[in-house]
């Protein structure tokens, strides 16, 4: 069913997503008919409906002495997200106070999946760097975060971040090779791994079946990678 994965990304469960999508198509509908339509246990269906109502994504009406359920506007999904943001804002000061000042930030971290890519992008934007260097660019981030990369592109422009990318000539014309403020050069080789250097950090991105990222935070190592990048940049072709 289309949109299930996207709805799960913003916090709905698998069954909650299916019920909400069915409501959008079938509203108004009784709980019993909805459970039959989805081949879902009747009790589970009603529990999920109550949950969607609590989230402001569904509502009930009485028609001919019968309770029917209907989907509310999909725009209410924004309210669902804002509630989570408000909760985070409320507890953030308390969580920060639990953090001991003596904790030493690790030099190396392993990040996995979509959340790992999002973390790297957040690290980039919070680093206040104005230059990004990438070699072995694959464009896989655009496939994995296809609904989010447009926003990140705009933020790159807003923060006036410039960059250089070395990638395979086989990927010429892909979206990531058309980024504003980025210069592109090409080599023949194509791999599933890319390396991004920004500030004192190096992100080694491995795009296999289960993507993972090795993040290194070290000034000396970053300087070495930058020297290596400059050598590759001179050897690569426009």
Protein backbone atom coordinates (compact mmCIF):
# COMPACT_ATOMS: atom_id res chain seq x y z
CA UNK A 1 0.00 0.00 0.00
CA UNK A 2 1.45 3.36 -1.06
CA UNK A 3 2.66 5.86 1.60
CA UNK A 4 2.92 3.30 4.43
CA UNK A 5 6.70 3.63 4.79
CA UNK A 6 6.47 7.43 4.77
CA UNK A 7 3.77 7.43 7.46
CA UNK A 8 5.86 5.05 9.56
CA UNK A 9 8.79 7.47 9.21
CA UNK A 10 6.76 10.21 10.94
CA UNK A 11 5.63 8.00 13.80
CA UNK A 12 2.58 5.94 12.81
CA UNK A 13 2.69 2.18 13.29
CA UNK A 14 2.39 -0.21 10.36
CA UNK A 15 -1.24 -1.01 11.19
CA UNK A 16 -1.98 2.60 12.08
CA UNK A 17 -0.74 3.66 8.65
CA UNK A 18 -2.92 1.08 6.92
CA UNK A 19 -6.02 2.09 8.87
CA UNK A 20 -5.45 5.80 8.21
CA UNK A 21 -4.93 5.24 4.47
CA UNK A 22 -8.06 3.08 4.34
CA UNK A 23 -10.05 5.82 6.10
CA UNK A 24 -8.88 8.36 3.54
CA UNK A 25 -10.31 6.14 0.79
CA UNK A 26 -13.43 4.74 2.48
CA UNK A 27 -14.69 7.46 4.89
CA UNK A 28 -17.16 7.37 6.47
CA UNK A 29 -17.07 3.68 7.39
CA UNK A 30 -17.99 1.55 10.38
CA UNK A 31 -15.30 -0.10 12.45
CA UNK A 32 -16.61 -3.54 11.51
CA UNK A 33 -16.57 -2.83 7.78
CA UNK A 34 -13.11 -1.32 8.09
CA UNK A 35 -11.75 -4.42 9.85
CA UNK A 36 -13.20 -6.61 7.07
CA UNK A 37 -11.76 -4.36 4.35
CA UNK A 38 -8.30 -4.62 5.90
CA UNK A 39 -8.67 -8.27 7.00
CA UNK A 40 -7.70 -7.05 10.46
CA UNK A 41 -8.87 -8.20 13.87
CA UNK A 42 -11.92 -6.16 14.93
CA UNK A 43 -10.54 -5.35 18.41
CA UNK A 44 -7.21 -4.20 16.96
CA UNK A 45 -9.04 -2.05 14.42
CA UNK A 46 -11.02 -0.21 17.12
CA UNK A 47 -7.90 0.27 19.26
CA UNK A 48 -6.09 1.81 16.30
CA UNK A 49 -9.08 4.03 15.48
CA UNK A 50 -9.07 5.37 19.06
CA UNK A 51 -5.35 6.04 18.74
CA UNK A 52 -5.82 7.93 15.46
CA UNK A 53 -8.62 9.98 17.01
CA UNK A 54 -6.32 10.88 19.93
CA UNK A 55 -3.72 12.01 17.39
CA UNK A 56 -6.28 14.19 15.61
CA UNK A 57 -6.03 12.13 12.42
CA UNK A 58 -9.53 10.63 12.57
CA UNK A 59 -12.95 11.35 14.03
CA UNK A 60 -16.28 9.59 14.54
CA UNK A 61 -19.81 10.60 13.56
CA UNK A 62 -23.27 9.20 14.27
CA UNK A 63 -25.35 8.41 11.20
CA UNK A 64 -28.66 6.54 11.39
CA UNK A 65 -27.84 5.61 14.99
CA UNK A 66 -24.61 3.99 13.82
CA UNK A 67 -21.05 5.08 14.67
CA UNK A 68 -18.95 5.72 11.60
CA UNK A 69 -15.31 6.75 11.35
CA UNK A 70 -13.67 9.16 8.95
CA UNK A 71 -10.18 10.48 8.27
CA UNK A 72 -9.36 14.06 9.15
CA UNK A 73 -7.28 16.24 6.83
CA UNK A 74 -3.78 14.88 6.14
CA UNK A 75 -2.54 18.36 7.10
CA UNK A 76 -3.18 17.30 10.71
CA UNK A 77 -0.03 15.17 10.38
CA UNK A 78 1.87 18.42 10.95
CA UNK A 79 0.14 18.77 14.33
CA UNK A 80 1.21 15.22 15.18
CA UNK A 81 4.85 16.12 14.46
CA UNK A 82 4.63 19.44 16.33
CA UNK A 83 3.40 17.65 19.46
CA UNK A 84 6.54 15.49 19.39
CA UNK A 85 8.73 18.55 18.88
CA UNK A 86 7.07 20.29 21.84
CA UNK A 87 7.68 17.27 24.08
CA UNK A 88 11.35 17.22 23.06
CA UNK A 89 11.69 20.96 23.78
CA UNK A 90 10.17 20.47 27.23
CA UNK A 91 12.46 17.63 28.28
CA UNK A 92 15.64 18.80 26.51
CA UNK A 93 16.91 21.09 29.33
CA UNK A 94 16.46 18.27 31.84
CA UNK A 95 18.24 15.78 29.61
CA UNK A 96 21.10 18.22 29.02
CA UNK A 97 21.48 18.71 32.78
CA UNK A 98 22.07 14.96 33.17
CA UNK A 99 25.05 15.12 30.87
CA UNK A 100 28.29 15.37 32.80
CA UNK A 101 30.75 17.99 31.62
CA UNK A 102 33.57 15.51 32.10
CA UNK A 103 32.24 13.16 29.41
CA UNK A 104 34.76 12.96 26.59
CA UNK A 105 33.28 13.01 23.12
CA UNK A 106 34.29 9.88 21.24
CA UNK A 107 36.61 10.35 18.28
CA UNK A 108 34.96 7.58 16.26
CA UNK A 109 31.28 6.70 15.97
CA UNK A 110 29.35 4.16 13.90
CA UNK A 111 26.00 5.34 12.55
CA UNK A 112 23.47 3.16 10.76
CA UNK A 113 20.63 3.50 8.25
CA UNK A 114 18.54 6.57 7.47
CA UNK A 115 19.01 7.99 10.95
CA UNK A 116 22.78 7.81 10.45
CA UNK A 117 22.60 9.83 7.24
CA UNK A 118 20.37 12.40 8.95
CA UNK A 119 22.87 12.63 11.82
CA UNK A 120 25.74 13.33 9.42
CA UNK A 121 23.75 16.06 7.68
CA UNK A 122 22.90 17.62 11.04
CA UNK A 123 26.59 17.48 12.03
CA UNK A 124 27.46 19.22 8.77
CA UNK A 125 24.99 22.07 9.23
CA UNK A 126 25.90 22.55 12.89
CA UNK A 127 29.65 22.56 12.20
CA UNK A 128 29.56 26.12 10.79
CA UNK A 129 31.92 25.01 8.04
CA UNK A 130 31.72 26.70 4.66
CA UNK A 131 33.41 23.94 2.67
CA UNK A 132 32.61 20.28 2.03
CA UNK A 133 34.88 17.88 0.18
CA UNK A 134 33.52 14.57 -1.15
CA UNK A 135 35.27 11.83 -3.06
CA UNK A 136 33.66 8.64 -4.27
CA UNK A 137 30.29 10.43 -4.36
CA UNK A 138 27.50 7.93 -5.07
CA UNK A 139 24.25 9.90 -4.83
CA UNK A 140 22.80 7.08 -2.70
CA UNK A 141 21.63 9.58 -0.08
CA UNK A 142 19.18 10.92 -2.66
CA UNK A 143 17.67 7.45 -3.01
CA UNK A 144 17.52 6.74 0.73
CA UNK A 145 16.26 10.20 1.79
CA UNK A 146 14.46 11.06 -1.44
CA UNK A 147 11.78 13.13 0.30
CA UNK A 148 14.26 15.12 2.40
CA UNK A 149 17.24 16.01 0.22
CA UNK A 150 15.50 18.99 -1.39
CA UNK A 151 15.24 20.60 2.05
CA UNK A 152 18.92 19.89 2.77
CA UNK A 153 19.93 21.42 -0.58
CA UNK A 154 18.13 24.65 0.33
CA UNK A 155 19.80 24.71 3.73
CA UNK A 156 23.20 24.26 2.06
CA UNK A 157 22.51 27.34 -0.06
CA UNK A 158 21.15 29.31 2.90
CA UNK A 159 24.30 28.64 4.94
CA UNK A 160 26.44 29.44 1.88
CA UNK A 161 28.23 26.10 2.02
CA UNK A 162 30.45 25.46 -0.99
CA UNK A 163 32.00 22.17 -1.96
CA UNK A 164 33.85 19.94 -4.34
CA UNK A 165 32.78 16.44 -5.36
CA UNK A 166 34.81 13.74 -7.10
CA UNK A 167 32.61 10.99 -8.48
CA UNK A 168 32.42 8.40 -11.23
CA UNK A 169 31.87 9.58 -14.79
CA UNK A 170 29.06 6.98 -14.91
CA UNK A 171 27.06 9.20 -12.55
CA UNK A 172 27.33 12.36 -14.63
CA UNK A 173 23.97 14.14 -14.75
CA UNK A 174 22.66 12.76 -11.45
CA UNK A 175 20.99 15.23 -9.08
CA UNK A 176 23.93 15.44 -6.70
CA UNK A 177 26.22 16.52 -9.57
CA UNK A 178 24.03 19.60 -10.14
CA UNK A 179 24.23 21.09 -6.65
CA UNK A 180 24.56 24.89 -6.61
CA UNK A 181 27.88 26.15 -5.21
CA UNK A 182 29.50 22.73 -5.78
CA UNK A 183 32.21 21.95 -8.32
CA UNK A 184 32.32 18.46 -9.83
CA UNK A 185 35.16 16.38 -11.26
CA UNK A 186 35.09 12.81 -12.51
CA UNK A 187 37.09 9.60 -12.37
CA UNK A 188 36.35 6.23 -13.99
CA UNK A 189 35.93 4.13 -10.85
CA UNK A 190 32.49 3.55 -9.27
CA UNK A 191 32.19 2.26 -5.69
CA UNK A 192 29.52 1.90 -2.99
CA UNK A 193 31.57 3.99 -0.58
CA UNK A 194 31.99 7.75 -0.38
CA UNK A 195 34.00 9.99 1.94
CA UNK A 196 32.92 13.45 3.07
CA UNK A 197 35.25 15.88 4.83
CA UNK A 198 33.96 18.95 6.67
CA UNK A 199 35.62 20.91 9.45
CA UNK A 200 37.57 18.44 11.59
CA UNK A 201 35.30 15.52 10.69
CA UNK A 202 35.46 12.71 8.17
CA UNK A 203 32.38 10.73 7.24
CA UNK A 204 33.02 7.40 5.52
CA UNK A 205 29.69 6.35 4.05
CA UNK A 206 29.19 2.70 3.11
CA UNK A 207 26.07 2.17 0.98
CA UNK A 208 25.46 -1.56 0.99
CA UNK A 209 22.22 -3.46 1.76
CA UNK A 210 22.32 -1.94 5.25
CA UNK A 211 24.03 1.46 4.97
CA UNK A 212 26.36 2.52 7.75
CA UNK A 213 28.67 5.45 8.38
CA UNK A 214 32.00 5.75 10.18
CA UNK A 215 32.33 9.26 11.62
CA UNK A 216 35.82 10.37 12.69
CA UNK A 217 36.27 13.59 14.65
CA UNK A 218 39.96 14.48 14.63
CA UNK A 219 41.72 17.59 13.32
CA UNK A 220 44.93 15.83 12.29
CA UNK A 221 43.12 13.04 10.43
CA UNK A 222 40.86 15.59 8.71
CA UNK A 223 43.87 17.57 7.50
CA UNK A 224 45.42 14.39 6.07
CA UNK A 225 42.20 13.56 4.21
CA UNK A 226 42.03 17.11 2.84
CA UNK A 227 45.57 16.79 1.45
CA UNK A 228 44.64 13.46 -0.13
CA UNK A 229 41.51 15.05 -1.62
CA UNK A 230 43.52 17.89 -3.19
CA UNK A 231 45.78 15.33 -4.84
CA UNK A 232 42.76 13.46 -6.26
CA UNK A 233 41.16 16.74 -7.36
CA UNK A 234 44.20 17.61 -9.47
CA UNK A 235 44.13 14.15 -11.07
CA UNK A 236 40.37 14.05 -11.75
CA UNK A 237 38.74 15.39 -14.92
CA UNK A 238 36.01 17.96 -15.39
